[in-house]
C-alpha atoms as a PDB file:
ATOM      1  CA  MET A   1      95.508  43.201-213.424  1.00  0.00           C
ATOM      2  CA  VAL A   2      94.136  42.497-216.996  1.00  0.00           C
ATOM      3  CA  ARG A   3      97.469  44.049-218.570  1.00  0.00           C
ATOM      4  CA  LEU A   4      99.698  42.000-215.976  1.00  0.00           C
ATOM      5  CA  HIS A   5      97.829  38.848-216.742  1.00  0.00           C
ATOM      6  CA  ASP A   6      98.444  39.653-220.676  1.00  0.00           C
ATOM      7  CA  ASP A   7     102.214  40.151-219.663  1.00  0.00           C
ATOM      8  CA  GLN A   8     102.146  44.006-220.676  1.00  0.00           C
ATOM      9  CA  LEU A   9     104.412  45.238-217.617  1.00  0.00           C
ATOM     10  CA  ASP A  10     104.819  48.765-219.286  1.00  0.00           C
ATOM     11  CA  GLY A  11     101.002  48.979-219.535  1.00  0.00           C
ATOM     12  CA  THR A  12     100.763  47.721-216.093  1.00  0.00           C
ATOM     13  CA  VAL A  13     102.772  50.567-214.952  1.00  0.00           C
ATOM     14  CA  ASP A  14     101.139  53.236-217.205  1.00  0.00           C
ATOM     15  CA  ALA A  15      97.631  52.048-215.626  1.00  0.00           C
ATOM     16  CA  LEU A  16      98.866  52.217-212.166  1.00  0.00           C
ATOM     17  CA  ARG A  17     100.560  55.547-212.260  1.00  0.00           C
ATOM     18  CA  PRO A  18      97.775  57.668-211.896  1.00  0.00           C
ATOM     19  CA  VAL A  19      96.718  55.874-208.581  1.00  0.00           C
ATOM     20  CA  LEU A  20     100.122  55.576-206.922  1.00  0.00           C
ATOM     21  CA  ASP A  21     100.419  59.360-207.583  1.00  0.00           C
ATOM     22  CA  LEU A  22      97.346  60.214-205.727  1.00  0.00           C
ATOM     23  CA  PRO A  23      97.878  62.424-202.702  1.00  0.00           C
ATOM     24  CA  PRO A  24      97.487  60.488-199.534  1.00  0.00           C
ATOM     25  CA  ALA A  25      94.256  62.221-198.446  1.00  0.00           C
ATOM     26  CA  GLN A  26      93.047  60.683-201.607  1.00  0.00           C
ATOM     27  CA  ARG A  27      93.813  57.063-201.070  1.00  0.00           C
ATOM     28  CA  ASN A  28      90.871  55.249-199.627  1.00  0.00           C
ATOM     29  CA  ARG A  29      90.664  51.741-198.616  1.00  0.00           C
ATOM     30  CA  GLY A  30      89.368  50.474-201.844  1.00  0.00           C
ATOM     31  CA  ILE A  31      92.255  52.101-203.787  1.00  0.00           C
ATOM     32  CA  VAL A  32      95.277  50.578-201.407  1.00  0.00           C
ATOM     33  CA  VAL A  33      93.370  47.067-201.521  1.00  0.00           C
ATOM     34  CA  SER A  34      93.337  47.291-205.271  1.00  0.00           C
ATOM     35  CA  ALA A  35      97.143  48.292-205.501  1.00  0.00           C
ATOM     36  CA  ARG A  36      97.975  45.493-202.970  1.00  0.00           C
ATOM     37  CA  ARG A  37      96.105  43.068-205.284  1.00  0.00           C
ATOM     38  CA  VAL A  38      98.640  44.450-208.012  1.00  0.00           C
ATOM     39  CA  HIS A  39     101.703  43.917-205.552  1.00  0.00           C
ATOM     40  CA  ARG A  40     100.589  40.212-205.121  1.00  0.00           C
ATOM     41  CA  ALA A  41     100.046  39.194-208.910  1.00  0.00           C
ATOM     42  CA  LEU A  42     103.496  41.107-209.428  1.00  0.00           C
ATOM     43  CA  GLY A  43     105.001  38.866-207.231  1.00  0.00           C
ATOM     44  CA  HIS A  44     103.440  35.774-208.834  1.00  0.00           C
ATOM     45  CA  SER A  45     104.074  37.317-212.446  1.00  0.00           C
ATOM     46  CA  PRO A  46     106.453  35.655-215.135  1.00  0.00           C
ATOM     47  CA  ALA A  47     108.015  39.300-214.830  1.00  0.00           C
ATOM     48  CA  ARG A  48     108.419  39.515-211.334  1.00  0.00           C
ATOM     49  CA  THR A  49     112.367  39.451-211.712  1.00  0.00           C
ATOM     50  CA  SER A  50     112.799  42.416-213.975  1.00  0.00           C
ATOM     51  CA  HIS A  51     113.874  45.781-212.743  1.00  0.00           C
ATOM     52  CA  LEU A  52     110.653  47.577-213.544  1.00  0.00           C
ATOM     53  CA  ALA A  53     108.442  44.775-211.536  1.00  0.00           C
ATOM     54  CA  ARG A  54     110.925  45.076-208.466  1.00  0.00           C
ATOM     55  CA  GLU A  55     110.679  48.990-208.515  1.00  0.00           C
ATOM     56  CA  LEU A  56     106.960  48.856-208.585  1.00  0.00           C
ATOM     57  CA  ARG A  57     106.295  46.098-206.077  1.00  0.00           C
ATOM     58  CA  GLU A  58     108.723  48.328-203.811  1.00  0.00           C
ATOM     59  CA  GLU A  59     106.596  51.454-204.786  1.00  0.00           C
ATOM     60  CA  ILE A  60     103.091  50.020-204.235  1.00  0.00           C
ATOM     61  CA  ALA A  61     104.792  48.420-200.556  1.00  0.00           C
ATOM     62  CA  GLN A  62     105.330  52.102-199.575  1.00  0.00           C
ATOM     63  CA  TYR A  63     101.646  53.235-200.609  1.00  0.00           C
ATOM     64  CA  ALA A  64      99.955  53.951-197.671  1.00  0.00           C
ATOM     65  CA  PRO A  65      96.290  54.641-197.162  1.00  0.00           C
ATOM     66  CA  ALA A  66      94.882  58.394-195.817  1.00  0.00           C
ATOM     67  CA  THR A  67      95.323  58.698-192.384  1.00  0.00           C
ATOM     68  CA  PRO A  68      92.263  59.459-190.401  1.00  0.00           C
ATOM     69  CA  PRO A  69      91.707  63.430-189.497  1.00  0.00           C
ATOM     70  CA  ALA A  70      93.156  63.974-185.996  1.00  0.00           C
ATOM     71  CA  THR A  71      90.052  64.680-183.823  1.00  0.00           C
ATOM     72  CA  ALA A  72      90.117  66.662-180.599  1.00  0.00           C
ATOM     73  CA  LEU A  73      89.798  64.994-177.306  1.00  0.00           C
ATOM     74  CA  PRO A  74      86.379  65.664-175.431  1.00  0.00           C
ATOM     75  CA  ARG A  75      87.163  67.842-172.214  1.00  0.00           C
END
């Protein structure tokens, strides 16, 4: 968020890349909420119309949390 507020879009992407590359099983609620905050901030950023910002917003929009493991129903 700091990089985004400093108009460092490339730095924002670099900072967020490891998070976006996490496998779904490691995406806990806190991580997903933080990614969504960046998504919202990108929408209000002066860079929001840039190709890179649009791509990052789309990638974050597709970023899903881990799904809970299936449990067997009692018999």
